[in-house]
């Protein structure tokens, strides 16, 4: 199949772009996924090795569709198509020694995260009616998406009661996770992003592997995802 035949001139230009950054601005239903899948196929046709390409999207369904569409065009052996979270989980397990993790860590889904948060709140001697696990999970998630650890939160909390309690809860929650060799979904992004930012060896390992990174719906990235992508 000719990879360029049914593309518009703008799509064709994007697909044929090989080296250097490229931002595609397009509305819903305008063929953004088509451009990404064709560009992956085009890169491989130009001699780029599939395992040097990383394609990231935001949902498992979208990743599966992208994977299927690429496989219909080229042999994708070694190609990585994943969500941000699944990609981070993969590289953290592969390089756990570089980031100080147990490679057999478990990933807490929402229900497990709320149970861990409830345990943390109670361990601080606080009432889970006033300090609800739902609300505290949201507050901690917000800080993790800004790449703030519990220790950093403690330094900026100030002297107000609410800030001090949040710091205590965040710290206790992290202890619950550590004791169970667990990460939550926000940790997958935060640990990866901070390691890429702060640890040259981890950054170099991934940079040597992935030469071409393609991201669907790039405008939806948060701070942690932006750092991972850049």
Protein backbone atom coordinates (compact mmCIF):
# COMPACT_ATOMS: atom_id res chain seq x y z
CA UNK A 1 0.00 0.00 0.00
CA UNK A 2 1.27 3.47 -0.87
CA UNK A 3 1.49 5.24 2.47
CA UNK A 4 0.90 8.68 0.97
CA UNK A 5 -1.77 8.19 -1.70
CA UNK A 6 -4.91 9.12 0.24
CA UNK A 7 -3.38 11.91 2.34
CA UNK A 8 -3.90 15.64 1.99
CA UNK A 9 -0.82 17.75 1.20
CA UNK A 10 -0.55 18.84 4.85
CA UNK A 11 -0.90 15.25 6.09
CA UNK A 12 1.67 14.08 3.58
CA UNK A 13 4.12 16.73 4.76
CA UNK A 14 3.68 15.62 8.38
CA UNK A 15 4.04 11.93 7.55
CA UNK A 16 7.24 12.49 5.55
CA UNK A 17 8.88 14.56 8.28
CA UNK A 18 11.69 12.40 9.68
CA UNK A 19 14.08 14.21 12.01
CA UNK A 20 13.45 17.03 14.45
CA UNK A 21 10.34 18.22 16.31
CA UNK A 22 6.95 18.43 14.61
CA UNK A 23 3.64 19.71 15.97
CA UNK A 24 0.42 18.87 14.13
CA UNK A 25 -2.52 21.20 14.82
CA UNK A 26 -5.81 19.67 13.72
CA UNK A 27 -9.41 19.39 14.86
CA UNK A 28 -11.40 16.33 15.84
CA UNK A 29 -11.97 13.86 13.00
CA UNK A 30 -9.33 15.43 10.77
CA UNK A 31 -7.07 12.37 10.64
CA UNK A 32 -4.51 12.92 13.41
CA UNK A 33 -4.30 9.21 14.22
CA UNK A 34 -3.93 8.43 10.54
CA UNK A 35 -1.00 10.81 10.36
CA UNK A 36 0.69 9.19 13.36
CA UNK A 37 0.20 5.62 12.12
CA UNK A 38 1.35 6.50 8.60
CA UNK A 39 4.35 8.38 9.96
CA UNK A 40 5.38 5.34 12.00
CA UNK A 41 5.10 3.21 8.87
CA UNK A 42 6.98 5.81 6.82
CA UNK A 43 9.81 6.01 9.35
CA UNK A 44 10.21 2.24 9.23
CA UNK A 45 10.15 2.32 5.42
CA UNK A 46 13.01 4.84 5.57
CA UNK A 47 15.17 2.47 7.60
CA UNK A 48 14.32 3.50 11.16
CA UNK A 49 14.29 0.40 13.35
CA UNK A 50 10.86 -0.24 14.92
CA UNK A 51 12.25 -0.54 18.46
CA UNK A 52 13.57 3.03 18.18
CA UNK A 53 10.00 4.35 17.83
CA UNK A 54 7.67 5.14 20.74
CA UNK A 55 4.04 6.05 20.02
CA UNK A 56 2.03 7.27 23.00
CA UNK A 57 -1.66 7.90 23.41
CA UNK A 58 -4.00 8.41 26.36
CA UNK A 59 -6.28 5.36 26.53
CA UNK A 60 -5.78 1.63 26.19
CA UNK A 61 -8.47 1.53 23.50
CA UNK A 62 -6.69 4.19 21.45
CA UNK A 63 -3.36 2.42 21.87
CA UNK A 64 -4.84 -0.87 20.69
CA UNK A 65 -6.40 0.81 17.65
CA UNK A 66 -3.11 2.51 16.81
CA UNK A 67 -1.22 -0.76 17.21
CA UNK A 68 -3.68 -2.53 14.91
CA UNK A 69 -3.57 0.15 12.24
CA UNK A 70 0.24 0.19 12.20
CA UNK A 71 0.37 -3.62 11.95
CA UNK A 72 -1.81 -3.41 8.84
CA UNK A 73 0.82 -1.22 7.20
CA UNK A 74 4.21 -2.60 8.28
CA UNK A 75 5.85 -5.27 10.40
CA UNK A 76 5.90 -3.59 13.83
CA UNK A 77 8.17 -6.05 15.68
CA UNK A 78 9.80 -4.20 18.58
CA UNK A 79 7.68 -1.07 18.19
CA UNK A 80 6.32 0.43 21.43
CA UNK A 81 2.73 1.69 21.31
CA UNK A 82 1.39 2.47 24.78
CA UNK A 83 -0.38 4.87 27.08
CA UNK A 84 1.77 7.13 29.23
CA UNK A 85 1.00 5.00 32.28
CA UNK A 86 1.70 1.63 30.68
CA UNK A 87 4.92 2.93 29.14
CA UNK A 88 6.10 4.26 32.51
CA UNK A 89 5.20 1.01 34.26
CA UNK A 90 7.22 -0.89 31.69
CA UNK A 91 10.38 1.21 31.89
CA UNK A 92 10.26 1.40 35.69
CA UNK A 93 10.16 -2.40 35.91
CA UNK A 94 12.92 -2.76 33.33
CA UNK A 95 15.19 -0.23 35.05
CA UNK A 96 14.00 -0.50 38.64
CA UNK A 97 17.58 -0.63 39.91
CA UNK A 98 18.27 2.84 38.48
CA UNK A 99 15.32 4.44 40.26
CA UNK A 100 15.47 2.54 43.55
CA UNK A 101 12.36 0.40 43.08
CA UNK A 102 11.55 -3.24 43.60
CA UNK A 103 10.87 -4.49 40.04
CA UNK A 104 7.99 -6.56 41.41
CA UNK A 105 6.12 -3.46 42.61
CA UNK A 106 2.33 -3.59 42.44
CA UNK A 107 0.18 -0.85 40.97
CA UNK A 108 -2.73 0.34 43.07
CA UNK A 109 -5.94 1.00 41.19
CA UNK A 110 -8.52 3.47 42.49
CA UNK A 111 -10.12 1.21 45.11
CA UNK A 112 -6.75 0.10 46.51
CA UNK A 113 -5.52 3.68 46.52
CA UNK A 114 -8.54 4.82 48.55
CA UNK A 115 -8.02 2.02 51.08
CA UNK A 116 -4.36 3.02 51.43
CA UNK A 117 -5.36 6.66 51.85
CA UNK A 118 -7.94 5.75 54.52
CA UNK A 119 -5.26 3.83 56.39
CA UNK A 120 -2.92 6.82 56.13
CA UNK A 121 -5.53 9.28 57.41
CA UNK A 122 -6.37 7.07 60.36
CA UNK A 123 -2.69 6.58 61.19
CA UNK A 124 -2.45 10.37 61.54
CA UNK A 125 -5.26 10.33 64.08
CA UNK A 126 -7.56 12.29 61.78
CA UNK A 127 -11.26 11.76 61.11
CA UNK A 128 -11.98 10.28 57.67
CA UNK A 129 -15.31 12.10 57.68
CA UNK A 130 -13.58 15.47 57.66
CA UNK A 131 -10.54 14.28 55.73
CA UNK A 132 -12.17 11.97 53.21
CA UNK A 133 -10.04 9.50 51.23
CA UNK A 134 -11.60 10.75 47.98
CA UNK A 135 -10.65 14.35 48.64
CA UNK A 136 -7.18 13.51 49.93
CA UNK A 137 -6.49 11.27 46.94
CA UNK A 138 -7.35 14.21 44.74
CA UNK A 139 -5.09 16.60 46.66
CA UNK A 140 -2.16 14.19 46.62
CA UNK A 141 -2.74 13.43 42.93
CA UNK A 142 -2.58 17.14 42.14
CA UNK A 143 0.78 17.43 43.91
CA UNK A 144 2.19 14.35 42.24
CA UNK A 145 1.18 15.67 38.83
CA UNK A 146 3.22 18.77 39.70
CA UNK A 147 6.09 16.40 40.65
CA UNK A 148 5.99 17.39 44.33
CA UNK A 149 7.06 14.71 46.81
CA UNK A 150 5.78 14.54 50.38
CA UNK A 151 9.10 15.98 51.58
CA UNK A 152 8.81 18.94 49.22
CA UNK A 153 5.20 19.44 50.28
CA UNK A 154 6.35 19.64 53.91
CA UNK A 155 8.78 22.45 53.05
CA UNK A 156 6.09 24.59 51.43
CA UNK A 157 3.08 23.72 53.59
CA UNK A 158 3.33 26.75 55.85
CA UNK A 159 1.95 26.91 59.37
CA UNK A 160 -1.78 26.61 58.73
CA UNK A 161 -3.60 23.59 60.12
CA UNK A 162 -4.91 22.38 56.77
CA UNK A 163 -1.49 22.46 55.12
CA UNK A 164 0.14 20.67 58.04
CA UNK A 165 -2.51 17.93 57.99
CA UNK A 166 -2.17 17.47 54.24
CA UNK A 167 1.59 17.05 54.63
CA UNK A 168 1.11 14.46 57.38
CA UNK A 169 -1.44 12.55 55.31
CA UNK A 170 0.71 12.61 52.16
CA UNK A 171 3.73 11.38 54.13
CA UNK A 172 1.71 8.61 55.80
CA UNK A 173 0.19 7.60 52.47
CA UNK A 174 3.61 7.26 50.90
CA UNK A 175 4.68 5.05 53.80
CA UNK A 176 1.69 2.76 53.21
CA UNK A 177 2.68 2.47 49.54
CA UNK A 178 6.33 1.76 50.38
CA UNK A 179 5.42 -0.85 52.98
CA UNK A 180 3.40 -2.69 50.33
CA UNK A 181 5.92 -2.21 47.49
CA UNK A 182 3.20 -0.31 45.65
CA UNK A 183 2.87 2.66 43.32
CA UNK A 184 -0.32 4.46 42.42
CA UNK A 185 -1.05 5.63 38.88
CA UNK A 186 0.31 9.12 39.55
CA UNK A 187 3.55 7.60 40.86
CA UNK A 188 4.12 5.91 37.52
CA UNK A 189 4.32 9.33 35.87
CA UNK A 190 6.03 11.18 38.71
CA UNK A 191 8.78 8.63 39.35
CA UNK A 192 9.54 8.37 35.62
CA UNK A 193 9.49 12.13 35.08
CA UNK A 194 11.71 12.89 38.07
CA UNK A 195 14.15 10.14 37.08
CA UNK A 196 14.38 11.51 33.55
CA UNK A 197 14.95 14.99 34.97
CA UNK A 198 17.42 14.10 37.71
CA UNK A 199 19.19 10.84 36.78
CA UNK A 200 21.47 10.98 33.78
CA UNK A 201 21.94 7.21 33.52
CA UNK A 202 18.19 6.54 33.37
CA UNK A 203 17.71 9.39 30.89
CA UNK A 204 20.54 8.15 28.66
CA UNK A 205 19.25 4.57 28.63
CA UNK A 206 15.86 5.69 27.34
CA UNK A 207 17.33 8.25 24.94
CA UNK A 208 19.52 5.55 23.40
CA UNK A 209 16.49 3.30 22.91
CA UNK A 210 13.81 5.72 21.68
CA UNK A 211 14.92 8.01 18.85
CA UNK A 212 11.44 8.93 17.61
CA UNK A 213 8.57 9.80 19.95
CA UNK A 214 5.07 10.41 18.60
CA UNK A 215 2.29 11.57 20.92
CA UNK A 216 -1.41 11.63 20.12
CA UNK A 217 -3.46 14.43 21.77
CA UNK A 218 -0.26 16.15 22.92
CA UNK A 219 -2.23 19.18 24.12
CA UNK A 220 -3.67 17.08 26.97
CA UNK A 221 -0.33 16.38 28.65
CA UNK A 222 0.12 17.45 32.26
CA UNK A 223 3.42 18.61 33.74
CA UNK A 224 4.72 15.10 34.40
CA UNK A 225 3.73 13.84 30.94
CA UNK A 226 5.25 16.91 29.29
CA UNK A 227 8.55 16.28 31.06
CA UNK A 228 8.52 12.62 30.01
CA UNK A 229 7.83 13.57 26.40
CA UNK A 230 10.50 16.24 26.28
